[in-house]
């Protein structure tokens, strides 16, 4: 009997040790995830009254023992974004905390149970909302009202200067900001078509469809008219989205940017941005702000529109795994550090530039990537390209 018992015991020991190994590895992975997704700051849910409703926000405070902190107010890009952007903001909030700054963000209307509908908002509505949040923050004893600034991405490029025109801000961090809605839509559509290797025929058809969309917008057509004009092919468009575009398709930040003269601005641009024409954005910021502001321009050649590493954003699996096991590694190298350093220099007064003596700093300048067209050249008159989609996400 013994010869048969020993193999069974041996097999049991192997199974037990295999299970122990699996549990140890699993526990280790869980530990890594918890550690990587723990941030050196304290978060608290806050409620901010604005008009007749409440903004559901998150305030992230540094753990440095100080009684007063500067504040970075976050202005979302396009889409249904919650206060933390699905935790995507947290690595940036931690970088802010290391520089001695708190961070404030809130759910867009209609997101995560918040009242309202963000698609009912104009860019001015969004600016009013942010101004109310700043007024709320200035009334707090733990926030230094003289060190409140803005962080905004993509579509926020139309909102940031409007906020600065309504209430004083001490700095602005603009990430992949757009300038002109129609031009941005044109650039985005053409870039995506080129990246897809679209034929000349397909490109011509998409341009024609966009031109039709612009004509409908210009005559204030209803959503039902849009659906009829496109032969029933709404291409993902909804009535709410149509209303949002109708309110905002004429947006252009060029004149509004004058409100940022004399304000330290960190302009952050990506080398692989197919949503926004970064060359046009940089040119416009220089044209408007060089006469009276402290403009710092930072380029990231290997980054996408969202300032993620291109090598990661190309794969949904890589995004998911990196977000789980190393969320700080999602962003382009140096992106978090440059924002932290910008805020630290503000605290030292290095960016406090009088309006009469502009200071423009270029960091890591390179020639922006331009997509080579493999389709026929399109006339500049096709101003409606991409107007229906006009995706500008943060």
Protein backbone atom coordinates (compact mmCIF):
# COMPACT_ATOMS: atom_id res chain seq x y z
CA UNK A 1 0.00 0.00 0.00
CA UNK A 2 2.82 2.40 0.85
CA UNK A 3 4.23 2.70 -2.67
CA UNK A 4 0.81 3.98 -3.81
CA UNK A 5 0.41 6.42 -0.92
CA UNK A 6 3.69 8.26 -1.46
CA UNK A 7 2.90 9.41 -5.04
CA UNK A 8 -0.47 10.70 -3.86
CA UNK A 9 1.16 12.66 -1.04
CA UNK A 10 3.78 14.00 -3.44
CA UNK A 11 1.06 15.11 -5.84
CA UNK A 12 -0.81 16.79 -3.01
CA UNK A 13 2.31 18.68 -1.94
CA UNK A 14 2.88 19.85 -5.53
CA UNK A 15 -0.73 21.05 -5.76
CA UNK A 16 -0.50 22.86 -2.41
CA UNK A 17 2.76 24.59 -3.30
CA UNK A 18 1.41 25.51 -6.73
CA UNK A 19 -1.63 27.07 -5.07
CA UNK A 20 0.58 28.90 -2.57
CA UNK A 21 2.73 30.23 -5.43
CA UNK A 22 -0.34 31.46 -7.31
CA UNK A 23 -1.70 33.15 -4.18
CA UNK A 24 1.65 34.81 -3.44
CA UNK A 25 1.93 36.09 -7.01
CA UNK A 26 -1.68 37.29 -6.95
CA UNK A 27 -1.13 39.04 -3.63
CA UNK A 28 2.00 40.64 -5.03
CA UNK A 29 0.15 41.88 -8.10
CA UNK A 30 -2.65 43.27 -5.95
CA UNK A 31 -0.04 45.00 -3.81
CA UNK A 32 1.59 46.54 -6.88
CA UNK A 33 -1.76 47.79 -8.17
CA UNK A 34 -2.69 49.30 -4.80
CA UNK A 35 0.72 50.92 -4.45
CA UNK A 36 0.79 52.32 -7.97
CA UNK A 37 -2.73 53.69 -7.61
CA UNK A 38 -2.11 55.32 -4.23
CA UNK A 39 -1.28 59.00 -4.44
CA UNK A 40 0.45 61.30 -1.98
CA UNK A 41 -2.47 63.67 -1.43
CA UNK A 42 -5.80 63.77 0.37
CA UNK A 43 -9.02 63.79 -1.65
CA UNK A 44 -12.38 65.05 -0.49
CA UNK A 45 -15.74 65.28 -2.20
CA UNK A 46 -17.10 68.84 -2.32
CA UNK A 47 -20.32 70.52 -3.44
CA UNK A 48 -20.24 73.86 -5.25
CA UNK A 49 -23.37 75.91 -5.80
CA UNK A 50 -23.70 77.42 -9.26
CA UNK A 51 -26.91 79.06 -10.36
CA UNK A 52 -29.76 76.76 -9.50
CA UNK A 53 -27.77 73.54 -9.27
CA UNK A 54 -24.78 71.92 -7.59
CA UNK A 55 -21.41 70.93 -9.03
CA UNK A 56 -20.16 67.63 -7.63
CA UNK A 57 -16.44 68.06 -7.21
CA UNK A 58 -13.23 66.57 -5.87
CA UNK A 59 -10.62 68.65 -4.05
CA UNK A 60 -7.15 67.08 -3.77
CA UNK A 61 -4.99 68.62 -1.03
CA UNK A 62 -1.20 68.20 -0.57
CA UNK A 63 0.00 66.35 2.53
CA UNK A 64 2.71 68.87 3.32
CA UNK A 65 1.27 70.18 6.57
CA UNK A 66 0.78 73.71 5.28
CA UNK A 67 -2.38 75.63 6.07
CA UNK A 68 -2.65 77.41 2.69
CA UNK A 69 -2.14 76.09 -0.82
CA UNK A 70 -2.34 77.37 -4.33
CA UNK A 71 -5.00 75.76 -6.51
CA UNK A 72 -5.16 74.28 -10.01
CA UNK A 73 -8.72 74.32 -11.35
CA UNK A 74 -9.33 71.65 -14.00
CA UNK A 75 -11.36 72.40 -17.13
CA UNK A 76 -12.29 69.25 -19.04
CA UNK A 77 -12.05 68.59 -22.75
CA UNK A 78 -14.93 67.18 -24.80
CA UNK A 79 -17.14 64.29 -23.74
CA UNK A 80 -18.90 63.01 -20.62
CA UNK A 81 -16.06 63.45 -18.11
CA UNK A 82 -16.29 62.88 -14.38
CA UNK A 83 -14.29 64.79 -11.76
CA UNK A 84 -11.24 62.50 -11.84
CA UNK A 85 -11.46 61.64 -15.56
CA UNK A 86 -11.73 57.98 -14.51
CA UNK A 87 -8.73 58.55 -12.21
CA UNK A 88 -6.66 59.77 -15.18
CA UNK A 89 -6.13 63.17 -13.54
CA UNK A 90 -4.68 61.74 -10.33
CA UNK A 91 -1.03 61.48 -11.45
CA UNK A 92 -1.25 65.17 -12.41
CA UNK A 93 -2.88 66.07 -9.11
CA UNK A 94 -0.06 64.35 -7.28
CA UNK A 95 2.49 66.32 -9.31
CA UNK A 96 0.62 69.50 -8.37
CA UNK A 97 0.65 68.46 -4.71
CA UNK A 98 4.42 68.01 -4.80
CA UNK A 99 4.64 71.63 -5.93
CA UNK A 100 2.40 72.75 -3.06
CA UNK A 101 -0.81 73.11 -5.07
CA UNK A 102 -4.24 71.64 -4.48
CA UNK A 103 -6.39 70.52 -7.43
CA UNK A 104 -10.11 71.03 -8.02
CA UNK A 105 -12.30 69.29 -10.57
CA UNK A 106 -15.98 68.39 -10.89
CA UNK A 107 -18.30 66.08 -12.78
CA UNK A 108 -19.71 67.52 -15.96
CA UNK A 109 -23.48 68.09 -15.81
CA UNK A 110 -25.25 64.78 -16.34
CA UNK A 111 -22.15 62.70 -15.55
CA UNK A 112 -21.81 60.42 -12.49
CA UNK A 113 -25.22 61.48 -11.21
CA UNK A 114 -24.60 65.23 -11.52
CA UNK A 115 -27.68 67.29 -12.46
CA UNK A 116 -28.06 68.76 -15.94
CA UNK A 117 -26.64 67.85 -19.35
CA UNK A 118 -23.19 68.96 -20.50
CA UNK A 119 -24.41 68.95 -24.10
CA UNK A 120 -26.69 71.88 -23.25
CA UNK A 121 -23.66 74.07 -22.49
CA UNK A 122 -21.98 76.74 -24.56
CA UNK A 123 -18.32 77.63 -24.00
CA UNK A 124 -19.51 80.69 -22.08
CA UNK A 125 -21.64 78.45 -19.86
CA UNK A 126 -18.58 76.35 -19.10
CA UNK A 127 -16.59 79.48 -18.27
CA UNK A 128 -19.33 80.71 -15.91
CA UNK A 129 -19.26 77.33 -14.19
CA UNK A 130 -15.49 77.50 -13.66
CA UNK A 131 -15.68 81.10 -12.42
CA UNK A 132 -18.22 80.00 -9.81
CA UNK A 133 -15.88 77.21 -8.71
CA UNK A 134 -13.02 79.70 -8.37
CA UNK A 135 -15.19 82.03 -6.27
CA UNK A 136 -16.06 79.06 -4.05
CA UNK A 137 -12.37 78.18 -3.68
CA UNK A 138 -11.37 81.76 -2.82
CA UNK A 139 -13.76 81.67 0.11
CA UNK A 140 -11.99 78.66 1.63
CA UNK A 141 -9.44 79.34 4.39
CA UNK A 142 -7.10 76.60 3.11
CA UNK A 143 -6.77 78.05 -0.42
CA UNK A 144 -4.53 80.99 -1.28
CA UNK A 145 -6.82 83.16 -3.41
CA UNK A 146 -3.84 84.86 -5.06
CA UNK A 147 -2.47 81.55 -6.38
CA UNK A 148 -5.40 80.09 -8.29
CA UNK A 149 -4.88 79.07 -11.89
CA UNK A 150 -6.31 76.89 -14.63
CA UNK A 151 -5.49 73.59 -16.28
CA UNK A 152 -7.41 72.74 -19.44
CA UNK A 153 -7.15 70.32 -22.34
CA UNK A 154 -8.30 70.40 -25.94
CA UNK A 155 -11.84 71.82 -26.09
CA UNK A 156 -10.95 73.74 -22.93
CA UNK A 157 -8.82 75.91 -25.20
CA UNK A 158 -12.01 77.84 -25.98
CA UNK A 159 -12.96 78.05 -22.30
CA UNK A 160 -9.72 79.01 -20.53
CA UNK A 161 -9.43 82.60 -21.84
CA UNK A 162 -13.14 83.18 -21.23
CA UNK A 163 -12.62 82.25 -17.58
CA UNK A 164 -9.65 84.62 -17.32
CA UNK A 165 -11.86 87.42 -18.68
CA UNK A 166 -14.39 86.80 -15.90
CA UNK A 167 -12.12 86.36 -12.88
CA UNK A 168 -8.41 86.88 -12.16
CA UNK A 169 -6.20 83.80 -12.54
CA UNK A 170 -2.50 83.59 -11.70
CA UNK A 171 -1.52 81.06 -14.39
CA UNK A 172 -2.81 78.79 -17.15
CA UNK A 173 -1.66 75.32 -18.23
CA UNK A 174 -3.09 74.67 -21.72
CA UNK A 175 -2.74 71.09 -22.99
CA UNK A 176 -3.37 70.51 -26.71
CA UNK A 177 -5.78 73.48 -26.92
CA UNK A 178 -7.80 74.16 -30.04
CA UNK A 179 -8.12 77.60 -31.65
CA UNK A 180 -10.87 77.58 -34.27
CA UNK A 181 -13.68 74.98 -34.21
CA UNK A 182 -14.07 74.67 -37.97
CA UNK A 183 -10.35 74.62 -38.75
CA UNK A 184 -9.79 72.09 -35.98
CA UNK A 185 -12.53 69.89 -37.39
CA UNK A 186 -11.00 70.10 -40.86
CA UNK A 187 -7.56 69.19 -39.59
CA UNK A 188 -8.90 66.29 -37.52
CA UNK A 189 -10.91 64.76 -40.34
CA UNK A 190 -8.11 65.01 -42.89
CA UNK A 191 -5.55 63.63 -40.44
CA UNK A 192 -7.74 60.65 -39.62
CA UNK A 193 -8.46 59.96 -43.28
CA UNK A 194 -4.76 60.09 -44.11
CA UNK A 195 -3.91 57.85 -41.18
CA UNK A 196 -6.52 55.37 -42.45
CA UNK A 197 -5.08 55.49 -45.96
CA UNK A 198 -8.37 56.77 -47.35
CA UNK A 199 -8.83 56.96 -51.10
CA UNK A 200 -9.41 60.24 -52.92
CA UNK A 201 -13.01 59.21 -53.54
CA UNK A 202 -13.70 58.54 -49.88
CA UNK A 203 -12.03 61.80 -48.86
CA UNK A 204 -14.08 63.75 -51.40
CA UNK A 205 -17.27 62.16 -50.06
CA UNK A 206 -16.39 63.01 -46.46
CA UNK A 207 -15.59 66.60 -47.39
CA UNK A 208 -18.91 66.91 -49.23
CA UNK A 209 -20.76 65.54 -46.22
CA UNK A 210 -19.05 68.04 -43.93
CA UNK A 211 -19.82 70.91 -46.30
CA UNK A 212 -23.46 69.88 -46.18
CA UNK A 213 -23.32 69.86 -42.39
CA UNK A 214 -21.90 73.38 -42.27
CA UNK A 215 -24.61 74.72 -44.56
CA UNK A 216 -27.23 73.16 -42.28
CA UNK A 217 -25.63 74.74 -39.21
CA UNK A 218 -25.44 78.14 -40.85
CA UNK A 219 -29.17 78.14 -41.48
CA UNK A 220 -29.92 76.83 -37.97
CA UNK A 221 -31.34 73.53 -39.18
CA UNK A 222 -32.95 71.12 -36.74
CA UNK A 223 -31.57 67.68 -35.99
CA UNK A 224 -34.40 66.15 -38.02
CA UNK A 225 -33.34 68.24 -41.02
CA UNK A 226 -29.77 67.04 -40.54
CA UNK A 227 -30.89 63.40 -40.54
CA UNK A 228 -32.94 63.92 -43.70
CA UNK A 229 -30.08 65.72 -45.44
CA UNK A 230 -27.71 62.84 -44.70
CA UNK A 231 -30.11 60.24 -46.03
CA UNK A 232 -30.79 58.85 -42.58
CA UNK A 233 -27.09 58.21 -41.90
CA UNK A 234 -26.60 60.16 -38.67
CA UNK A 235 -23.12 58.63 -38.19
CA UNK A 236 -23.47 58.58 -34.40
CA UNK A 237 -24.92 62.08 -34.19
CA UNK A 238 -27.67 62.57 -31.60
CA UNK A 239 -30.15 65.39 -31.13
CA UNK A 240 -28.28 66.55 -28.02
CA UNK A 241 -24.93 66.48 -29.79
CA UNK A 242 -26.39 68.41 -32.72
CA UNK A 243 -27.63 71.05 -30.29
CA UNK A 244 -24.18 71.27 -28.68
CA UNK A 245 -22.46 71.73 -32.05
CA UNK A 246 -25.05 74.31 -33.12
CA UNK A 247 -24.22 76.38 -30.03
CA UNK A 248 -20.46 76.16 -30.39
CA UNK A 249 -19.33 75.57 -33.98
CA UNK A 250 -18.32 79.22 -34.45
CA UNK A 251 -15.93 79.08 -31.47
CA UNK A 252 -12.57 80.78 -32.02
CA UNK A 253 -10.12 81.50 -29.20
CA UNK A 254 -7.98 84.04 -31.07
CA UNK A 255 -9.53 87.22 -29.70
CA UNK A 256 -10.35 85.73 -26.30
CA UNK A 257 -6.68 84.85 -25.76
CA UNK A 258 -5.97 88.54 -25.16
CA UNK A 259 -7.35 87.99 -21.65
CA UNK A 260 -4.21 85.93 -20.94
CA UNK A 261 -1.74 88.73 -21.66
CA UNK A 262 0.43 89.17 -18.60
CA UNK A 263 -0.58 85.75 -17.26
CA UNK A 264 2.07 82.97 -17.09
CA UNK A 265 1.00 80.33 -19.62
CA UNK A 266 2.42 76.84 -20.10
CA UNK A 267 1.44 75.65 -23.58
CA UNK A 268 1.86 71.88 -23.90
CA UNK A 269 1.79 70.31 -27.37
CA UNK A 270 2.08 66.75 -28.71
CA UNK A 271 3.97 65.53 -31.76
CA UNK A 272 1.34 62.97 -32.80
CA UNK A 273 -1.80 65.05 -32.38
CA UNK A 274 -4.37 64.25 -35.06
CA UNK A 275 -7.11 66.17 -33.25
CA UNK A 276 -5.56 69.64 -33.11
CA UNK A 277 -3.21 71.46 -35.50
CA UNK A 278 -0.46 72.17 -32.98
CA UNK A 279 1.48 74.38 -35.39
CA UNK A 280 -1.54 76.67 -35.76
CA UNK A 281 -2.11 76.66 -32.00
CA UNK A 282 1.49 77.62 -31.22
CA UNK A 283 1.53 80.29 -33.93
CA UNK A 284 -1.66 81.87 -32.55
CA UNK A 285 -0.50 81.80 -28.93
CA UNK A 286 2.75 83.53 -29.92
CA UNK A 287 0.92 86.10 -32.04
CA UNK A 288 -1.49 87.05 -29.27
CA UNK A 289 0.62 86.60 -26.13
CA UNK A 290 4.15 87.60 -27.12
CA UNK A 291 3.23 91.27 -26.64
CA UNK A 292 2.50 90.92 -22.95
CA UNK A 293 2.79 87.54 -21.30
CA UNK A 294 5.11 84.86 -19.99
CA UNK A 295 4.64 82.05 -22.50
CA UNK A 296 6.41 78.73 -22.03
CA UNK A 297 6.01 76.24 -24.88
CA UNK A 298 6.71 72.58 -24.23
CA UNK A 299 6.74 69.98 -27.02
CA UNK A 300 6.48 66.21 -26.62
CA UNK A 301 7.38 64.58 -29.95
CA UNK A 302 6.31 61.07 -28.91
CA UNK A 303 2.97 62.04 -27.37
CA UNK A 304 -0.59 61.87 -28.67
CA UNK A 305 -3.35 64.45 -28.28
CA UNK A 306 -4.02 63.29 -24.71
CA UNK A 307 -0.28 63.55 -23.91
CA UNK A 308 -0.09 59.79 -23.55
CA UNK A 309 2.86 57.94 -25.03
CA UNK A 310 2.00 57.03 -28.60
CA UNK A 311 3.39 53.52 -28.14
CA UNK A 312 0.85 52.95 -25.36
CA UNK A 313 -2.20 54.70 -26.80
CA UNK A 314 -2.04 52.59 -29.96
CA UNK A 315 -3.14 49.54 -27.95
CA UNK A 316 -6.22 49.35 -25.72
CA UNK A 317 -4.60 46.45 -23.88
CA UNK A 318 -1.45 48.48 -23.17
CA UNK A 319 -3.55 51.38 -21.91
CA UNK A 320 -5.51 49.12 -19.56
CA UNK A 321 -2.45 47.30 -18.20
CA UNK A 322 -0.38 50.47 -17.80
CA UNK A 323 -3.26 52.29 -16.09
CA UNK A 324 -3.56 49.35 -13.70
CA UNK A 325 0.08 48.65 -12.89
CA UNK A 326 1.89 51.94 -13.61
CA UNK A 327 -0.50 54.86 -14.24
CA UNK A 328 2.28 57.46 -14.07
CA UNK A 329 3.91 55.76 -17.07
CA UNK A 330 0.92 56.49 -19.31
CA UNK A 331 2.07 60.04 -19.90
CA UNK A 332 4.86 61.25 -22.16
CA UNK A 333 8.25 61.36 -20.48
CA UNK A 334 8.70 64.64 -18.63
CA UNK A 335 5.05 65.73 -18.89
CA UNK A 336 4.26 65.44 -15.17
CA UNK A 337 7.63 66.84 -14.10
CA UNK A 338 7.33 69.89 -16.36
CA UNK A 339 3.95 70.81 -14.86
CA UNK A 340 5.29 70.35 -11.34
CA UNK A 341 8.32 72.49 -12.17
CA UNK A 342 6.15 75.19 -13.76
CA UNK A 343 4.11 75.44 -10.56
CA UNK A 344 7.21 75.48 -8.36
CA UNK A 345 8.67 78.34 -10.38
CA UNK A 346 5.41 80.23 -9.99
CA UNK A 347 5.75 79.93 -6.23
CA UNK A 348 9.28 81.34 -6.48
CA UNK A 349 8.02 84.23 -8.62
CA UNK A 350 10.06 83.25 -11.69
CA UNK A 351 7.05 83.61 -13.99
CA UNK A 352 5.76 86.88 -12.58
CA UNK A 353 6.35 88.90 -15.73
CA UNK A 354 5.00 92.46 -16.07
CA UNK A 355 2.82 93.04 -19.10
CA UNK A 356 5.39 95.48 -20.44
CA UNK A 357 8.21 92.93 -20.62
CA UNK A 358 7.19 89.66 -22.21
CA UNK A 359 9.15 86.51 -21.52
CA UNK A 360 8.84 83.64 -23.97
CA UNK A 361 10.59 80.36 -23.26
CA UNK A 362 10.88 77.46 -25.68
CA UNK A 363 11.68 74.11 -24.16
CA UNK A 364 12.62 71.08 -26.25
CA UNK A 365 11.61 72.66 -29.53
CA UNK A 366 11.23 70.38 -32.54
CA UNK A 367 9.54 70.42 -35.91
CA UNK A 368 5.93 69.27 -35.46
CA UNK A 369 4.89 66.08 -37.20
CA UNK A 370 2.77 66.69 -40.29
CA UNK A 371 0.84 63.85 -41.88
CA UNK A 372 1.78 63.33 -45.52
CA UNK A 373 -1.27 63.28 -47.74
CA UNK A 374 -1.80 60.19 -49.83
CA UNK A 375 -4.92 61.68 -51.35
CA UNK A 376 -5.48 64.69 -53.56
CA UNK A 377 -4.99 68.19 -52.21
CA UNK A 378 -8.22 69.68 -50.95
CA UNK A 379 -9.25 73.31 -51.33
CA UNK A 380 -9.06 75.56 -48.26
CA UNK A 381 -12.64 76.61 -48.92
CA UNK A 382 -13.88 73.31 -47.54
CA UNK A 383 -14.24 74.88 -44.13
CA UNK A 384 -16.78 72.41 -42.83
CA UNK A 385 -14.52 69.39 -42.85
CA UNK A 386 -15.10 67.45 -39.66
CA UNK A 387 -17.57 69.97 -38.28
CA UNK A 388 -20.12 67.29 -37.42
CA UNK A 389 -17.66 65.31 -35.34
CA UNK A 390 -15.32 68.04 -34.07
CA UNK A 391 -13.84 65.71 -31.49
CA UNK A 392 -11.66 67.66 -29.10
CA UNK A 393 -11.07 65.46 -26.08
CA UNK A 394 -9.07 66.05 -23.04
